């Protein structure tokens, strides 16, 4: 995996999704969208993972934090 790092309970699921969606040099908003889709897809495939994620996109000019809410069934 070049250009990204994954970790946590759904790391196996994250690798597959990230390898499909990640591209180098994404704009911050595109990176957030890619990260969000990857995280939510992995969480949906691993019931032990939880119900969402706290995300942080850090650039030289800013840091933006957001909360993703996932399925709760």
PDB file of N, CA and C in Angstrom:
ATOM      1  N   UNK A   1       0.842  -1.177   0.000  1.00  0.00           N
ATOM      2  CA  UNK A   1       0.000   0.000   0.000  1.00  0.00           C
ATOM      3  C   UNK A   1       0.882   1.233   0.000  1.00  0.00           C
ATOM      4  N   UNK A   2       0.856   1.961  -1.069  1.00  0.00           N
ATOM      5  CA  UNK A   2       1.687   3.142  -1.178  1.00  0.00           C
ATOM      6  C   UNK A   2       0.811   4.392  -1.082  1.00  0.00           C
ATOM      7  N   UNK A   3       1.149   5.291  -0.166  1.00  0.00           N
ATOM      8  CA  UNK A   3       0.438   6.552  -0.056  1.00  0.00           C
ATOM      9  C   UNK A   3      -0.595   6.620   1.041  1.00  0.00           C
ATOM     10  N   UNK A   4      -0.911   5.516   1.698  1.00  0.00           N
ATOM     11  CA  UNK A   4      -1.870   5.548   2.790  1.00  0.00           C
ATOM     12  C   UNK A   4      -1.532   4.469   3.811  1.00  0.00           C
ATOM     13  N   UNK A   5      -2.075   4.664   5.007  1.00  0.00           N
ATOM     14  CA  UNK A   5      -1.884   3.711   6.103  1.00  0.00           C
ATOM     15  C   UNK A   5      -3.251   3.410   6.687  1.00  0.00           C
ATOM     16  N   UNK A   6      -3.499   2.165   7.026  1.00  0.00           N
ATOM     17  CA  UNK A   6      -4.753   1.793   7.679  1.00  0.00           C
ATOM     18  C   UNK A   6      -4.434   1.091   8.994  1.00  0.00           C
ATOM     19  N   UNK A   7      -5.402   1.078   9.885  1.00  0.00           N
ATOM     20  CA  UNK A   7      -5.214   0.402  11.155  1.00  0.00           C
ATOM     21  C   UNK A   7      -6.552   0.213  11.845  1.00  0.00           C
ATOM     22  N   UNK A   8      -6.543  -0.549  12.902  1.00  0.00           N
ATOM     23  CA  UNK A   8      -7.765  -0.769  13.662  1.00  0.00           C
ATOM     24  C   UNK A   8      -8.405  -2.101  13.341  1.00  0.00           C
ATOM     25  N   UNK A   9      -9.570  -2.288  13.914  1.00  0.00           N
ATOM     26  CA  UNK A   9     -10.282  -3.563  13.784  1.00  0.00           C
ATOM     27  C   UNK A   9     -10.543  -3.958  12.331  1.00  0.00           C
ATOM     28  N   UNK A  10     -11.016  -3.028  11.459  1.00  0.00           N
ATOM     29  CA  UNK A  10     -11.334  -3.451  10.092  1.00  0.00           C
ATOM     30  C   UNK A  10     -10.177  -3.267   9.111  1.00  0.00           C
ATOM     31  N   UNK A  11      -8.936  -3.407   9.565  1.00  0.00           N
ATOM     32  CA  UNK A  11      -7.808  -3.076   8.683  1.00  0.00           C
ATOM     33  C   UNK A  11      -7.786  -3.914   7.407  1.00  0.00           C
ATOM     34  N   UNK A  12      -8.161  -5.184   7.479  1.00  0.00           N
ATOM     35  CA  UNK A  12      -8.182  -6.004   6.262  1.00  0.00           C
ATOM     36  C   UNK A  12      -9.200  -5.467   5.265  1.00  0.00           C
ATOM     37  N   UNK A  13     -10.381  -5.083   5.759  1.00  0.00           N
ATOM     38  CA  UNK A  13     -11.395  -4.529   4.873  1.00  0.00           C
ATOM     39  C   UNK A  13     -10.951  -3.175   4.331  1.00  0.00           C
ATOM     40  N   UNK A  14     -10.278  -2.386   5.161  1.00  0.00           N
ATOM     41  CA  UNK A  14      -9.813  -1.073   4.717  1.00  0.00           C
ATOM     42  C   UNK A  14      -8.794  -1.172   3.592  1.00  0.00           C
ATOM     43  N   UNK A  15      -7.875  -2.125   3.680  1.00  0.00           N
ATOM     44  CA  UNK A  15      -6.869  -2.256   2.622  1.00  0.00           C
ATOM     45  C   UNK A  15      -7.522  -2.457   1.266  1.00  0.00           C
ATOM     46  N   UNK A  16      -8.494  -3.338   1.197  1.00  0.00           N
ATOM     47  CA  UNK A  16      -9.149  -3.607  -0.084  1.00  0.00           C
ATOM     48  C   UNK A  16      -9.841  -2.389  -0.653  1.00  0.00           C
ATOM     49  N   UNK A  17     -10.599  -1.689   0.194  1.00  0.00           N
ATOM     50  CA  UNK A  17     -11.338  -0.525  -0.280  1.00  0.00           C
ATOM     51  C   UNK A  17     -10.380   0.618  -0.624  1.00  0.00           C
ATOM     52  N   UNK A  18      -9.391   0.855   0.227  1.00  0.00           N
ATOM     53  CA  UNK A  18      -8.444   1.959  -0.021  1.00  0.00           C
ATOM     54  C   UNK A  18      -7.626   1.727  -1.287  1.00  0.00           C
ATOM     55  N   UNK A  19      -7.229   0.500  -1.521  1.00  0.00           N
ATOM     56  CA  UNK A  19      -6.472   0.210  -2.747  1.00  0.00           C
ATOM     57  C   UNK A  19      -7.310   0.507  -3.991  1.00  0.00           C
ATOM     58  N   UNK A  20      -8.619   0.345  -3.877  1.00  0.00           N
ATOM     59  CA  UNK A  20      -9.501   0.620  -5.013  1.00  0.00           C
ATOM     60  C   UNK A  20      -9.775   2.102  -5.203  1.00  0.00           C
ATOM     61  N   UNK A  21      -9.904   2.856  -4.116  1.00  0.00           N
ATOM     62  CA  UNK A  21     -10.368   4.242  -4.202  1.00  0.00           C
ATOM     63  C   UNK A  21      -9.265   5.298  -4.120  1.00  0.00           C
ATOM     64  N   UNK A  22      -8.167   5.014  -3.428  1.00  0.00           N
ATOM     65  CA  UNK A  22      -7.157   6.040  -3.170  1.00  0.00           C
ATOM     66  C   UNK A  22      -6.382   6.413  -4.433  1.00  0.00           C
ATOM     67  N   UNK A  23      -6.147   7.715  -4.588  1.00  0.00           N
ATOM     68  CA  UNK A  23      -5.283   8.247  -5.647  1.00  0.00           C
ATOM     69  C   UNK A  23      -4.356   9.270  -5.002  1.00  0.00           C
ATOM     70  N   UNK A  24      -3.160   9.368  -5.500  1.00  0.00           N
ATOM     71  CA  UNK A  24      -2.206  10.351  -4.967  1.00  0.00           C
ATOM     72  C   UNK A  24      -2.656  11.769  -5.314  1.00  0.00           C
ATOM     73  N   UNK A  25      -2.279  12.716  -4.486  1.00  0.00           N
ATOM     74  CA  UNK A  25      -2.498  14.149  -4.720  1.00  0.00           C
ATOM     75  C   UNK A  25      -3.964  14.552  -4.817  1.00  0.00           C
ATOM     76  N   UNK A  26      -4.814  13.965  -3.997  1.00  0.00           N
ATOM     77  CA  UNK A  26      -6.218  14.369  -3.958  1.00  0.00           C
ATOM     78  C   UNK A  26      -6.342  15.720  -3.253  1.00  0.00           C
ATOM     79  N   UNK A  27      -7.313  16.502  -3.667  1.00  0.00           N
ATOM     80  CA  UNK A  27      -7.641  17.740  -2.954  1.00  0.00           C
ATOM     81  C   UNK A  27      -8.241  17.361  -1.596  1.00  0.00           C
ATOM     82  N   UNK A  28      -8.164  18.235  -0.592  1.00  0.00           N
ATOM     83  CA  UNK A  28      -8.665  17.883   0.746  1.00  0.00           C
ATOM     84  C   UNK A  28     -10.104  17.371   0.762  1.00  0.00           C
ATOM     85  N   UNK A  29     -10.991  18.009   0.007  1.00  0.00           N
ATOM     86  CA  UNK A  29     -12.392  17.563   0.002  1.00  0.00           C
ATOM     87  C   UNK A  29     -12.539  16.197  -0.673  1.00  0.00           C
ATOM     88  N   UNK A  30     -11.776  15.956  -1.735  1.00  0.00           N
ATOM     89  CA  UNK A  30     -11.804  14.649  -2.399  1.00  0.00           C
ATOM     90  C   UNK A  30     -11.192  13.574  -1.504  1.00  0.00           C
ATOM     91  N   UNK A  31     -10.147  13.928  -0.776  1.00  0.00           N
ATOM     92  CA  UNK A  31      -9.543  12.996   0.167  1.00  0.00           C
ATOM     93  C   UNK A  31     -10.531  12.630   1.266  1.00  0.00           C
ATOM     94  N   UNK A  32     -11.259  13.623   1.783  1.00  0.00           N
ATOM     95  CA  UNK A  32     -12.277  13.347   2.796  1.00  0.00           C
ATOM     96  C   UNK A  32     -13.335  12.391   2.250  1.00  0.00           C
ATOM     97  N   UNK A  33     -13.799  12.621   1.041  1.00  0.00           N
ATOM     98  CA  UNK A  33     -14.825  11.754   0.445  1.00  0.00           C
ATOM     99  C   UNK A  33     -14.302  10.331   0.274  1.00  0.00           C
ATOM    100  N   UNK A  34     -13.072  10.191  -0.212  1.00  0.00           N
ATOM    101  CA  UNK A  34     -12.468   8.871  -0.386  1.00  0.00           C
ATOM    102  C   UNK A  34     -12.295   8.178   0.958  1.00  0.00           C
ATOM    103  N   UNK A  35     -11.802   8.916   1.932  1.00  0.00           N
ATOM    104  CA  UNK A  35     -11.602   8.375   3.270  1.00  0.00           C
ATOM    105  C   UNK A  35     -12.937   7.954   3.888  1.00  0.00           C
ATOM    106  N   UNK A  36     -13.952   8.780   3.725  1.00  0.00           N
ATOM    107  CA  UNK A  36     -15.268   8.481   4.282  1.00  0.00           C
ATOM    108  C   UNK A  36     -15.865   7.221   3.658  1.00  0.00           C
ATOM    109  N   UNK A  37     -15.813   7.127   2.345  1.00  0.00           N
ATOM    110  CA  UNK A  37     -16.358   5.947   1.672  1.00  0.00           C
ATOM    111  C   UNK A  37     -15.603   4.686   2.081  1.00  0.00           C
ATOM    112  N   UNK A  38     -14.292   4.796   2.222  1.00  0.00           N
ATOM    113  CA  UNK A  38     -13.481   3.648   2.638  1.00  0.00           C
ATOM    114  C   UNK A  38     -13.830   3.204   4.050  1.00  0.00           C
ATOM    115  N   UNK A  39     -13.897   4.163   4.962  1.00  0.00           N
ATOM    116  CA  UNK A  39     -14.206   3.837   6.355  1.00  0.00           C
ATOM    117  C   UNK A  39     -15.596   3.238   6.511  1.00  0.00           C
ATOM    118  N   UNK A  40     -16.590   3.861   5.881  1.00  0.00           N
ATOM    119  CA  UNK A  40     -17.954   3.356   6.028  1.00  0.00           C
ATOM    120  C   UNK A  40     -18.128   1.991   5.374  1.00  0.00           C
ATOM    121  N   UNK A  41     -17.477   1.757   4.252  1.00  0.00           N
ATOM    122  CA  UNK A  41     -17.547   0.437   3.616  1.00  0.00           C
ATOM    123  C   UNK A  41     -16.911  -0.628   4.504  1.00  0.00           C
ATOM    124  N   UNK A  42     -15.778  -0.308   5.123  1.00  0.00           N
ATOM    125  CA  UNK A  42     -15.107  -1.271   5.995  1.00  0.00           C
ATOM    126  C   UNK A  42     -15.921  -1.534   7.254  1.00  0.00           C
ATOM    127  N   UNK A  43     -16.489  -0.484   7.837  1.00  0.00           N
ATOM    128  CA  UNK A  43     -17.300  -0.640   9.045  1.00  0.00           C
ATOM    129  C   UNK A  43     -18.532  -1.499   8.756  1.00  0.00           C
ATOM    130  N   UNK A  44     -19.131  -1.321   7.587  1.00  0.00           N
ATOM    131  CA  UNK A  44     -20.307  -2.115   7.220  1.00  0.00           C
ATOM    132  C   UNK A  44     -19.981  -3.601   7.113  1.00  0.00           C
ATOM    133  N   UNK A  45     -18.727  -3.947   6.866  1.00  0.00           N
ATOM    134  CA  UNK A  45     -18.335  -5.348   6.696  1.00  0.00           C
ATOM    135  C   UNK A  45     -17.792  -5.977   7.975  1.00  0.00           C
ATOM    136  N   UNK A  46     -17.693  -5.207   9.049  1.00  0.00           N
ATOM    137  CA  UNK A  46     -17.125  -5.720  10.298  1.00  0.00           C
ATOM    138  C   UNK A  46     -17.956  -5.203  11.463  1.00  0.00           C
ATOM    139  N   UNK A  47     -18.829  -6.041  12.000  1.00  0.00           N
ATOM    140  CA  UNK A  47     -19.782  -5.599  13.023  1.00  0.00           C
ATOM    141  C   UNK A  47     -19.116  -5.209  14.342  1.00  0.00           C
ATOM    142  N   UNK A  48     -17.891  -5.603  14.590  1.00  0.00           N
ATOM    143  CA  UNK A  48     -17.212  -5.274  15.840  1.00  0.00           C
ATOM    144  C   UNK A  48     -16.601  -3.874  15.786  1.00  0.00           C
ATOM    145  N   UNK A  49     -16.491  -3.310  14.629  1.00  0.00           N
ATOM    146  CA  UNK A  49     -15.782  -2.061  14.427  1.00  0.00           C
ATOM    147  C   UNK A  49     -16.422  -0.866  15.103  1.00  0.00           C
ATOM    148  N   UNK A  50     -17.713  -0.759  15.096  1.00  0.00           N
ATOM    149  CA  UNK A  50     -18.373   0.399  15.691  1.00  0.00           C
ATOM    150  C   UNK A  50     -19.350   1.031  14.732  1.00  0.00           C
ATOM    151  N   UNK A  51     -19.731   2.266  15.036  1.00  0.00           N
ATOM    152  CA  UNK A  51     -20.805   2.926  14.304  1.00  0.00           C
ATOM    153  C   UNK A  51     -20.378   4.193  13.612  1.00  0.00           C
ATOM    154  N   UNK A  52     -19.143   4.344  13.285  1.00  0.00           N
ATOM    155  CA  UNK A  52     -18.707   5.553  12.606  1.00  0.00           C
ATOM    156  C   UNK A  52     -17.238   5.810  12.861  1.00  0.00           C
ATOM    157  N   UNK A  53     -16.834   7.060  12.663  1.00  0.00           N
ATOM    158  CA  UNK A  53     -15.423   7.404  12.839  1.00  0.00           C
ATOM    159  C   UNK A  53     -15.266   8.906  13.020  1.00  0.00           C
ATOM    160  N   UNK A  54     -14.208   9.288  13.677  1.00  0.00           N
ATOM    161  CA  UNK A  54     -13.767  10.680  13.716  1.00  0.00           C
ATOM    162  C   UNK A  54     -12.696  10.818  12.646  1.00  0.00           C
ATOM    163  N   UNK A  55     -12.863  11.789  11.768  1.00  0.00           N
ATOM    164  CA  UNK A  55     -11.914  11.961  10.672  1.00  0.00           C
ATOM    165  C   UNK A  55     -11.197  13.304  10.798  1.00  0.00           C
ATOM    166  N   UNK A  56      -9.968  13.329  10.315  1.00  0.00           N
ATOM    167  CA  UNK A  56      -9.162  14.543  10.344  1.00  0.00           C
ATOM    168  C   UNK A  56      -8.405  14.653   9.021  1.00  0.00           C
ATOM    169  N   UNK A  57      -8.580  15.755   8.326  1.00  0.00           N
ATOM    170  CA  UNK A  57      -7.817  16.035   7.119  1.00  0.00           C
ATOM    171  C   UNK A  57      -6.899  17.208   7.460  1.00  0.00           C
ATOM    172  N   UNK A  58      -5.600  16.946   7.423  1.00  0.00           N
ATOM    173  CA  UNK A  58      -4.622  17.945   7.827  1.00  0.00           C
ATOM    174  C   UNK A  58      -3.812  18.372   6.604  1.00  0.00           C
ATOM    175  N   UNK A  59      -3.801  19.660   6.344  1.00  0.00           N
ATOM    176  CA  UNK A  59      -3.020  20.234   5.250  1.00  0.00           C
ATOM    177  C   UNK A  59      -2.052  21.260   5.849  1.00  0.00           C
ATOM    178  N   UNK A  60      -1.133  21.791   5.069  1.00  0.00           N
ATOM    179  CA  UNK A  60      -0.234  22.820   5.611  1.00  0.00           C
ATOM    180  C   UNK A  60      -0.981  24.068   6.105  1.00  0.00           C
ATOM    181  N   UNK A  61      -2.190  24.315   5.572  1.00  0.00           N
ATOM    182  CA  UNK A  61      -2.938  25.525   5.918  1.00  0.00           C
ATOM    183  C   UNK A  61      -4.031  25.329   6.961  1.00  0.00           C
ATOM    184  N   UNK A  62      -4.505  24.099   7.150  1.00  0.00           N
ATOM    185  CA  UNK A  62      -5.638  23.905   8.052  1.00  0.00           C
ATOM    186  C   UNK A  62      -5.743  22.451   8.510  1.00  0.00           C
ATOM    187  N   UNK A  63      -6.602  22.251   9.482  1.00  0.00           N
ATOM    188  CA  UNK A  63      -6.959  20.910   9.954  1.00  0.00           C
ATOM    189  C   UNK A  63      -8.472  20.898  10.117  1.00  0.00           C
ATOM    190  N   UNK A  64      -9.129  19.972   9.429  1.00  0.00           N
ATOM    191  CA  UNK A  64     -10.582  19.881   9.478  1.00  0.00           C
ATOM    192  C   UNK A  64     -10.959  18.526  10.078  1.00  0.00           C
ATOM    193  N   UNK A  65     -11.764  18.568  11.136  1.00  0.00           N
ATOM    194  CA  UNK A  65     -12.229  17.350  11.801  1.00  0.00           C
ATOM    195  C   UNK A  65     -13.728  17.207  11.569  1.00  0.00           C
ATOM    196  N   UNK A  66     -14.130  15.983  11.304  1.00  0.00           N
ATOM    197  CA  UNK A  66     -15.565  15.686  11.090  1.00  0.00           C
ATOM    198  C   UNK A  66     -15.888  14.341  11.715  1.00  0.00           C
ATOM    199  N   UNK A  67     -17.156  14.151  12.031  1.00  0.00           N
ATOM    200  CA  UNK A  67     -17.627  12.888  12.591  1.00  0.00           C
ATOM    201  C   UNK A  67     -18.477  12.190  11.533  1.00  0.00           C
ATOM    202  N   UNK A  68     -18.136  10.930  11.255  1.00  0.00           N
ATOM    203  CA  UNK A  68     -18.942  10.104  10.342  1.00  0.00           C
ATOM    204  C   UNK A  68     -19.833   9.206  11.182  1.00  0.00           C
ATOM    205  N   UNK A  69     -21.100   9.186  10.862  1.00  0.00           N
ATOM    206  CA  UNK A  69     -22.009   8.294  11.560  1.00  0.00           C
ATOM    207  C   UNK A  69     -22.372   7.157  10.617  1.00  0.00           C
ATOM    208  N   UNK A  70     -22.225   5.948  11.116  1.00  0.00           N
ATOM    209  CA  UNK A  70     -22.505   4.767  10.303  1.00  0.00           C
ATOM    210  C   UNK A  70     -23.792   4.094  10.726  1.00  0.00           C
ATOM    211  N   UNK A  71     -24.019   2.919  10.192  1.00  0.00           N
ATOM    212  CA  UNK A  71     -25.203   2.129  10.530  1.00  0.00           C
ATOM    213  C   UNK A  71     -25.200   1.783  12.007  1.00  0.00           C
ATOM    214  N   UNK A  72     -26.371   1.676  12.588  1.00  0.00           N
ATOM    215  CA  UNK A  72     -26.479   1.303  13.996  1.00  0.00           C
ATOM    216  C   UNK A  72     -27.442   0.134  14.164  1.00  0.00           C
ATOM    217  N   UNK A  73     -27.320  -0.841  13.275  1.00  0.00           N
ATOM    218  CA  UNK A  73     -28.207  -2.006  13.392  1.00  0.00           C
ATOM    219  C   UNK A  73     -27.462  -3.257  13.755  1.00  0.00           C
TER     220      UNK A  73
END
